[in-house]
N, C-alpha and C. Protein backbone atom coordinates (compact mmCIF):
# COMPACT_ATOMS: atom_id res chain seq x y z
N UNK A 1 23.77 0.87 44.63
CA UNK A 1 23.01 0.02 44.88
C UNK A 1 23.03 -1.26 43.97
N UNK A 2 22.82 -1.20 42.61
CA UNK A 2 22.54 -2.98 42.28
C UNK A 2 24.26 -2.98 41.66
N UNK A 3 25.37 -2.37 42.45
CA UNK A 3 27.10 -2.35 41.81
C UNK A 3 27.15 -3.56 43.26
N UNK A 4 26.30 -3.26 44.20
CA UNK A 4 26.46 -4.18 45.04
C UNK A 4 26.03 -5.42 45.63
N UNK A 5 24.85 -5.73 44.54
CA UNK A 5 24.55 -7.27 44.12
C UNK A 5 25.28 -7.76 43.36
N UNK A 6 25.44 -9.40 44.02
CA UNK A 6 25.97 -10.24 42.44
C UNK A 6 24.88 -10.09 41.69
N UNK A 7 25.27 -10.14 39.97
CA UNK A 7 24.27 -10.11 39.25
C UNK A 7 24.55 -11.70 38.11
N UNK A 8 24.04 -11.79 37.41
CA UNK A 8 23.98 -12.96 37.18
C UNK A 8 24.81 -12.93 35.86
N UNK A 9 25.33 -14.22 35.22
CA UNK A 9 25.93 -13.89 34.37
C UNK A 9 25.35 -13.79 32.89
N UNK A 10 26.02 -12.68 31.52
CA UNK A 10 25.14 -12.45 30.80
C UNK A 10 25.99 -13.22 29.55
N UNK A 11 24.87 -13.68 28.99
CA UNK A 11 25.41 -14.33 27.08
C UNK A 11 24.72 -13.40 25.85
N UNK A 12 25.39 -13.56 24.88
CA UNK A 12 24.98 -12.90 23.91
C UNK A 12 24.34 -13.48 22.54
N UNK A 13 23.23 -13.58 22.63
CA UNK A 13 22.20 -14.10 21.52
C UNK A 13 21.80 -13.54 20.05
N UNK A 14 22.78 -14.41 19.36
CA UNK A 14 22.62 -14.16 17.73
C UNK A 14 21.83 -14.68 17.22
N UNK A 15 20.73 -13.91 16.87
CA UNK A 15 19.16 -14.63 15.97
C UNK A 15 19.13 -13.64 14.86
N UNK A 16 18.78 -14.48 13.86
CA UNK A 16 18.11 -14.02 12.66
C UNK A 16 16.76 -13.02 12.85
N UNK A 17 16.78 -11.78 12.37
CA UNK A 17 15.10 -11.26 12.68
C UNK A 17 14.15 -12.11 11.60
N UNK A 18 12.97 -12.64 12.06
CA UNK A 18 12.11 -13.50 11.28
C UNK A 18 11.53 -12.40 10.31
N UNK A 19 11.28 -11.03 10.20
CA UNK A 19 10.68 -10.55 8.84
C UNK A 19 11.94 -9.89 7.72
N UNK A 20 12.48 -9.09 8.56
CA UNK A 20 13.91 -8.62 7.82
C UNK A 20 15.33 -9.41 7.67
N UNK A 21 14.95 -10.55 8.60
CA UNK A 21 16.27 -11.31 7.74
C UNK A 21 17.55 -10.78 8.32
N UNK A 22 17.71 -9.40 9.13
CA UNK A 22 19.15 -9.27 9.28
C UNK A 22 19.21 -10.08 10.70
N UNK A 23 20.83 -9.89 11.38
CA UNK A 23 21.51 -10.33 12.38
C UNK A 23 20.56 -9.57 13.29
N UNK A 24 20.63 -10.41 14.73
CA UNK A 24 20.85 -9.23 15.76
C UNK A 24 21.51 -10.24 17.27
N UNK A 25 22.22 -9.04 17.68
CA UNK A 25 22.47 -9.42 19.02
C UNK A 25 21.79 -9.20 20.05
N UNK A 26 21.57 -9.83 20.98
CA UNK A 26 20.50 -9.42 22.26
C UNK A 26 21.61 -9.74 23.90
N UNK A 27 21.72 -9.31 24.32
CA UNK A 27 22.37 -9.80 25.82
C UNK A 27 20.89 -9.93 26.77
N UNK A 28 21.43 -10.93 27.19
CA UNK A 28 19.98 -12.02 28.35
C UNK A 28 21.52 -12.40 29.52
N UNK A 29 20.39 -12.24 30.68
CA UNK A 29 21.00 -13.20 31.85
C UNK A 29 21.09 -14.61 31.87
N UNK A 30 21.58 -15.27 32.16
CA UNK A 30 21.40 -16.63 32.52
C UNK A 30 20.65 -16.66 33.47
N UNK A 31 19.88 -17.94 33.62
CA UNK A 31 19.30 -18.15 34.57
C UNK A 31 19.70 -19.21 35.51
N UNK A 32 20.21 -20.60 34.87
CA UNK A 32 20.50 -21.48 34.87
C UNK A 32 21.81 -21.91 34.53
N UNK A 33 22.61 -22.61 34.78
CA UNK A 33 23.82 -23.07 33.92
C UNK A 33 24.04 -24.72 34.37
N UNK A 34 24.30 -25.49 32.74
CA UNK A 34 24.56 -26.89 33.15
C UNK A 34 26.21 -26.83 32.66
N UNK A 35 27.07 -26.96 33.28
CA UNK A 35 28.27 -26.43 32.52
C UNK A 35 28.80 -28.03 31.63
N UNK A 36 28.61 -29.03 32.51
CA UNK A 36 28.88 -30.32 32.66
C UNK A 36 28.40 -30.59 30.86
N UNK A 37 27.01 -30.50 30.82
CA UNK A 37 26.03 -30.55 29.85
C UNK A 37 26.45 -29.43 28.75
N UNK A 38 26.93 -28.64 28.87
CA UNK A 38 26.72 -27.41 27.96
C UNK A 38 25.81 -26.49 27.74
N UNK A 39 24.84 -26.36 28.57
CA UNK A 39 23.38 -25.80 28.76
C UNK A 39 23.39 -24.79 29.71
N UNK A 40 23.00 -23.65 29.06
CA UNK A 40 22.36 -22.01 29.62
C UNK A 40 20.70 -22.07 29.45
N UNK A 41 20.21 -21.51 30.57
CA UNK A 41 18.60 -21.34 30.61
C UNK A 41 17.99 -20.08 30.42
N UNK A 42 17.67 -19.25 29.63
CA UNK A 42 17.19 -18.11 29.76
C UNK A 42 15.46 -18.11 29.45
N UNK A 43 15.36 -17.03 29.79
CA UNK A 43 14.04 -16.68 29.40
C UNK A 43 13.54 -15.17 29.34
N UNK A 44 12.39 -14.65 28.47
CA UNK A 44 12.12 -13.37 27.70
C UNK A 44 11.73 -12.76 28.83
N UNK A 45 12.04 -11.20 29.18
CA UNK A 45 11.29 -10.35 29.89
C UNK A 45 10.14 -10.22 29.62
N UNK A 46 9.62 -10.01 27.79
CA UNK A 46 8.90 -9.24 27.81
C UNK A 46 8.10 -10.72 27.45
N UNK A 47 8.46 -11.85 28.04
CA UNK A 47 6.97 -13.16 27.58
C UNK A 47 7.49 -13.18 26.17
N UNK A 48 6.45 -14.06 25.94
CA UNK A 48 6.53 -15.22 24.57
C UNK A 48 5.92 -13.38 23.25
N UNK A 49 5.95 -12.32 23.56
CA UNK A 49 6.00 -10.75 22.82
C UNK A 49 7.67 -11.02 22.53
N UNK A 50 8.25 -11.26 23.32
CA UNK A 50 9.93 -10.98 22.98
C UNK A 50 10.46 -10.90 21.57
N UNK A 51 10.37 -10.07 21.15
CA UNK A 51 11.36 -9.89 19.43
C UNK A 51 12.58 -11.32 19.59
N UNK A 52 13.29 -11.05 20.20
CA UNK A 52 14.46 -12.47 20.15
C UNK A 52 13.74 -13.80 20.41
N UNK A 53 12.99 -13.91 21.37
CA UNK A 53 12.07 -15.47 21.61
C UNK A 53 11.51 -15.49 20.36
N UNK A 54 10.60 -14.69 19.76
CA UNK A 54 9.82 -14.82 18.34
C UNK A 54 10.44 -15.16 16.92
N UNK A 55 11.55 -14.71 17.13
CA UNK A 55 13.02 -15.25 15.85
C UNK A 55 13.35 -16.45 16.32
N UNK A 56 14.04 -16.65 17.74
CA UNK A 56 14.52 -18.14 17.67
C UNK A 56 13.07 -19.18 17.55
N UNK A 57 11.97 -19.13 18.14
CA UNK A 57 11.05 -19.80 17.67
C UNK A 57 10.71 -20.07 16.32
N UNK A 58 11.07 -19.30 15.44
CA UNK A 58 10.61 -19.19 14.53
C UNK A 58 11.94 -19.29 13.19
N UNK A 59 13.00 -19.89 14.05
CA UNK A 59 14.39 -20.96 13.51
C UNK A 59 15.13 -19.76 13.38
N UNK A 60 15.29 -18.87 13.68
CA UNK A 60 16.24 -18.15 13.62
C UNK A 60 17.33 -17.99 14.64
N UNK A 61 17.81 -18.66 15.62
CA UNK A 61 18.89 -19.02 16.58
C UNK A 61 20.42 -19.14 15.55
N UNK A 62 21.22 -18.76 15.91
CA UNK A 62 22.07 -18.58 15.31
C UNK A 62 23.40 -19.27 15.94
N UNK A 63 23.73 -18.40 17.01
CA UNK A 63 24.54 -18.81 18.25
C UNK A 63 24.62 -17.92 19.26
N UNK A 64 25.44 -18.41 19.72
CA UNK A 64 25.55 -17.44 21.67
C UNK A 64 26.61 -17.24 21.97
N UNK A 65 27.10 -16.31 22.57
CA UNK A 65 28.56 -16.00 22.62
C UNK A 65 28.54 -16.12 24.22
N UNK A 66 29.38 -16.94 25.07
CA UNK A 66 29.18 -17.17 26.48
C UNK A 66 30.50 -17.27 26.58
N UNK A 67 31.47 -16.35 27.43
CA UNK A 67 32.19 -15.86 28.28
C UNK A 67 33.63 -16.06 27.36
N UNK A 68 33.38 -15.21 26.22
CA UNK A 68 33.90 -14.86 24.54
C UNK A 68 33.96 -16.25 23.95
N UNK A 69 33.30 -17.25 24.23
CA UNK A 69 33.20 -18.55 22.93
C UNK A 69 31.62 -18.56 22.26
N UNK A 70 32.07 -18.73 20.57
CA UNK A 70 31.00 -18.78 20.20
C UNK A 70 30.47 -20.37 20.30
N UNK A 71 29.33 -20.16 20.81
CA UNK A 71 28.93 -22.00 20.85
C UNK A 71 27.58 -21.95 19.63
N UNK A 72 27.90 -23.40 19.06
CA UNK A 72 26.28 -23.34 17.99
C UNK A 72 25.68 -24.08 18.98
N UNK A 73 24.45 -23.82 18.83
CA UNK A 73 23.38 -24.20 19.91
C UNK A 73 21.89 -24.95 18.96
N UNK A 74 21.36 -25.65 20.16
CA UNK A 74 20.23 -26.08 19.92
C UNK A 74 19.06 -25.66 21.01
N UNK A 75 17.72 -25.18 21.10
CA UNK A 75 16.89 -24.92 21.85
C UNK A 75 15.62 -25.77 22.12
N UNK A 76 15.64 -25.73 23.47
CA UNK A 76 14.26 -26.36 23.71
C UNK A 76 14.01 -25.44 24.62
N UNK A 77 12.24 -25.45 24.94
CA UNK A 77 11.34 -25.01 25.79
C UNK A 77 11.52 -25.93 26.80
N UNK A 78 11.33 -25.56 28.33
CA UNK A 78 11.35 -26.37 29.25
C UNK A 78 9.71 -26.46 30.03
N UNK A 79 9.80 -27.63 30.52
CA UNK A 79 8.51 -27.87 31.07
C UNK A 79 8.23 -27.26 32.32
N UNK A 80 7.29 -27.69 32.89
CA UNK A 80 7.00 -26.97 34.14
C UNK A 80 8.05 -26.65 35.62
N UNK A 81 8.48 -28.49 35.35
CA UNK A 81 9.51 -28.91 36.08
C UNK A 81 10.48 -28.33 35.94
N UNK A 82 11.40 -27.94 34.81
CA UNK A 82 12.46 -27.77 34.65
C UNK A 82 12.93 -26.50 34.66
N UNK A 83 11.80 -25.18 34.23
CA UNK A 83 11.05 -24.19 34.49
C UNK A 83 11.58 -24.04 35.84
N UNK A 84 10.82 -24.78 36.73
CA UNK A 84 10.84 -23.94 38.02
C UNK A 84 12.30 -25.11 38.70
N UNK A 85 13.15 -25.78 38.74
CA UNK A 85 14.82 -25.74 38.78
C UNK A 85 15.29 -25.27 38.57
N UNK A 86 15.37 -24.53 37.32
CA UNK A 86 16.00 -23.53 36.73
C UNK A 86 16.00 -21.77 37.11
N UNK A 87 14.43 -21.92 37.62
CA UNK A 87 14.28 -20.53 38.25
C UNK A 87 14.42 -20.75 40.05
N UNK A 88 14.48 -21.91 40.58
CA UNK A 88 14.95 -22.07 42.19
C UNK A 88 16.73 -22.00 42.27
N UNK A 89 17.83 -21.98 41.12
CA UNK A 89 18.76 -22.19 40.72
C UNK A 89 18.92 -20.55 40.76
N UNK A 90 18.19 -19.58 40.14
CA UNK A 90 18.78 -18.41 39.77
C UNK A 90 18.53 -17.75 41.06
N UNK A 91 16.98 -18.15 41.64
CA UNK A 91 16.54 -17.56 43.56
C UNK A 91 17.43 -17.55 44.16
N UNK A 92 18.06 -19.08 44.27
CA UNK A 92 19.17 -19.34 45.03
C UNK A 92 20.70 -18.80 44.81
N UNK A 93 21.00 -18.52 43.90
CA UNK A 93 22.08 -17.84 43.19
C UNK A 93 22.09 -16.56 43.66
N UNK A 94 20.73 -15.86 43.21
CA UNK A 94 21.15 -13.98 43.84
C UNK A 94 19.33 -13.94 44.63
N UNK A 95 19.68 -14.04 45.80
CA UNK A 95 18.33 -13.62 46.50
C UNK A 95 17.32 -12.29 46.40
N UNK A 96 18.16 -11.28 46.57
CA UNK A 96 17.83 -10.42 46.68
C UNK A 96 17.63 -9.63 45.24
N UNK A 97 18.47 -10.07 44.37
CA UNK A 97 18.41 -9.54 42.76
C UNK A 97 16.95 -10.01 42.41
N UNK A 98 17.00 -11.33 42.63
CA UNK A 98 15.73 -11.91 41.82
C UNK A 98 14.24 -11.70 42.43
N UNK A 99 14.44 -11.20 44.12
CA UNK A 99 13.19 -10.59 44.13
C UNK A 99 12.99 -9.48 43.33
N UNK A 100 13.86 -8.56 43.40
CA UNK A 100 13.65 -7.33 42.72
C UNK A 100 13.58 -7.83 40.89
N UNK A 101 13.85 -8.57 40.98
CA UNK A 101 13.32 -9.37 39.18
C UNK A 101 12.13 -9.65 39.29
N UNK A 102 11.88 -10.57 39.69
CA UNK A 102 10.78 -10.54 39.71
C UNK A 102 9.30 -9.56 39.67
N UNK A 103 9.74 -9.01 40.70
CA UNK A 103 8.86 -7.97 40.87
C UNK A 103 8.60 -6.81 39.71
N UNK A 104 9.63 -6.75 38.73
CA UNK A 104 9.78 -5.74 37.80
C UNK A 104 8.34 -6.53 36.78
N UNK A 105 9.41 -8.06 36.83
CA UNK A 105 8.63 -8.86 35.72
C UNK A 105 7.19 -8.85 35.44
N UNK A 106 6.47 -8.89 36.95
CA UNK A 106 5.50 -8.70 37.26
C UNK A 106 4.44 -7.89 36.72
N UNK A 107 4.82 -6.90 36.94
CA UNK A 107 4.55 -5.31 36.25
C UNK A 107 4.49 -5.28 35.13
N UNK A 108 5.85 -5.66 34.22
CA UNK A 108 5.98 -5.29 32.96
C UNK A 108 5.29 -6.38 32.13
N UNK A 109 4.69 -7.61 32.94
CA UNK A 109 3.96 -8.79 32.17
C UNK A 109 2.32 -8.38 32.67
N UNK A 110 1.94 -7.48 33.31
CA UNK A 110 0.73 -7.52 34.19
C UNK A 110 0.27 -8.65 34.55
N UNK A 111 1.49 -9.56 35.45
CA UNK A 111 1.19 -10.97 36.19
C UNK A 111 0.05 -10.50 37.21
N UNK A 112 -0.65 -11.07 37.65
CA UNK A 112 -1.26 -10.93 38.70
C UNK A 112 -0.95 -12.21 40.12
N UNK A 113 -0.95 -12.25 41.33
CA UNK A 113 -0.65 -13.34 42.30
C UNK A 113 0.91 -13.43 42.87
N UNK A 114 0.94 -14.20 43.25
CA UNK A 114 2.64 -14.27 43.89
C UNK A 114 3.40 -14.03 42.30
N UNK A 115 4.25 -13.40 42.56
CA UNK A 115 5.37 -13.03 41.22
C UNK A 115 6.00 -14.46 41.17
N UNK A 116 6.61 -15.18 41.92
CA UNK A 116 7.12 -16.34 41.65
C UNK A 116 6.36 -17.27 40.58
N UNK A 117 5.20 -17.39 41.37
CA UNK A 117 4.39 -18.74 41.09
C UNK A 117 3.62 -18.07 39.28
N UNK A 118 3.73 -16.70 39.26
CA UNK A 118 3.25 -16.34 38.53
C UNK A 118 3.99 -16.03 36.80
N UNK A 119 5.60 -15.68 37.30
CA UNK A 119 6.48 -15.80 36.23
C UNK A 119 6.72 -17.47 35.80
N UNK A 120 6.83 -18.48 36.55
CA UNK A 120 6.78 -19.82 36.27
C UNK A 120 5.91 -19.95 35.23
N UNK A 121 4.17 -19.85 35.82
CA UNK A 121 3.11 -19.79 34.67
C UNK A 121 3.22 -19.37 33.49
N UNK A 122 3.49 -18.20 33.65
CA UNK A 122 3.24 -17.32 32.11
C UNK A 122 4.88 -17.08 31.65
N UNK A 123 6.03 -16.87 31.86
CA UNK A 123 6.83 -16.54 31.35
C UNK A 123 7.90 -18.31 30.53
N UNK A 124 7.63 -18.05 29.02
CA UNK A 124 8.82 -19.64 29.11
C UNK A 124 10.37 -19.12 29.02
N UNK A 125 10.50 -20.17 29.37
CA UNK A 125 12.31 -20.20 29.34
C UNK A 125 12.79 -21.49 28.43
N UNK A 126 14.19 -21.31 27.73
CA UNK A 126 14.83 -21.90 26.77
C UNK A 126 15.59 -22.54 27.67
N UNK A 127 16.29 -23.60 27.26
CA UNK A 127 17.48 -24.44 27.47
C UNK A 127 18.33 -23.91 26.12
N UNK A 128 19.20 -23.70 25.77
CA UNK A 128 19.91 -23.31 24.87
C UNK A 128 21.36 -24.16 25.22
N UNK A 129 21.39 -25.58 24.23
CA UNK A 129 22.32 -26.74 24.88
C UNK A 129 23.72 -26.68 23.41
N UNK A 130 24.75 -26.62 23.78
CA UNK A 130 26.06 -26.07 22.76
C UNK A 130 26.09 -27.82 22.23
N UNK A 131 25.83 -27.82 20.94
CA UNK A 131 26.09 -28.79 19.95
C UNK A 131 27.58 -28.68 19.22
N UNK A 132 27.78 -29.74 18.94
CA UNK A 132 29.39 -30.10 18.10
C UNK A 132 30.25 -29.86 18.81
N UNK A 133 30.12 -30.40 20.09
CA UNK A 133 31.18 -30.00 21.08
C UNK A 133 31.70 -31.76 22.08
């Protein structure tokens, strides 16, 4: 069934462990993109407890791999308005897949109420912006 659904593009986030100092590579679904600005938007499925998210916040972001290219990036956390826009872009591009993912996120993170609103309120979203290009 999943093969019949269009799924989001994937990046590989390269980050340094905040305790171990090791390099890790974590695949992430792109929620939305602004190609002309060199931006991709991502969110951790496990919320603020996700290891990759904690590594990035602690200064461990090294680079991302996007469609075979290596990007040096800077990050920022999205405010509610930008997060809502990125989430809506994902929902519009992947209507069936996004409903399944939202239900799963609600269960994984013990979110209550409407899964869409609960995810927007409780899960951080990051903008990864290409630098040096």
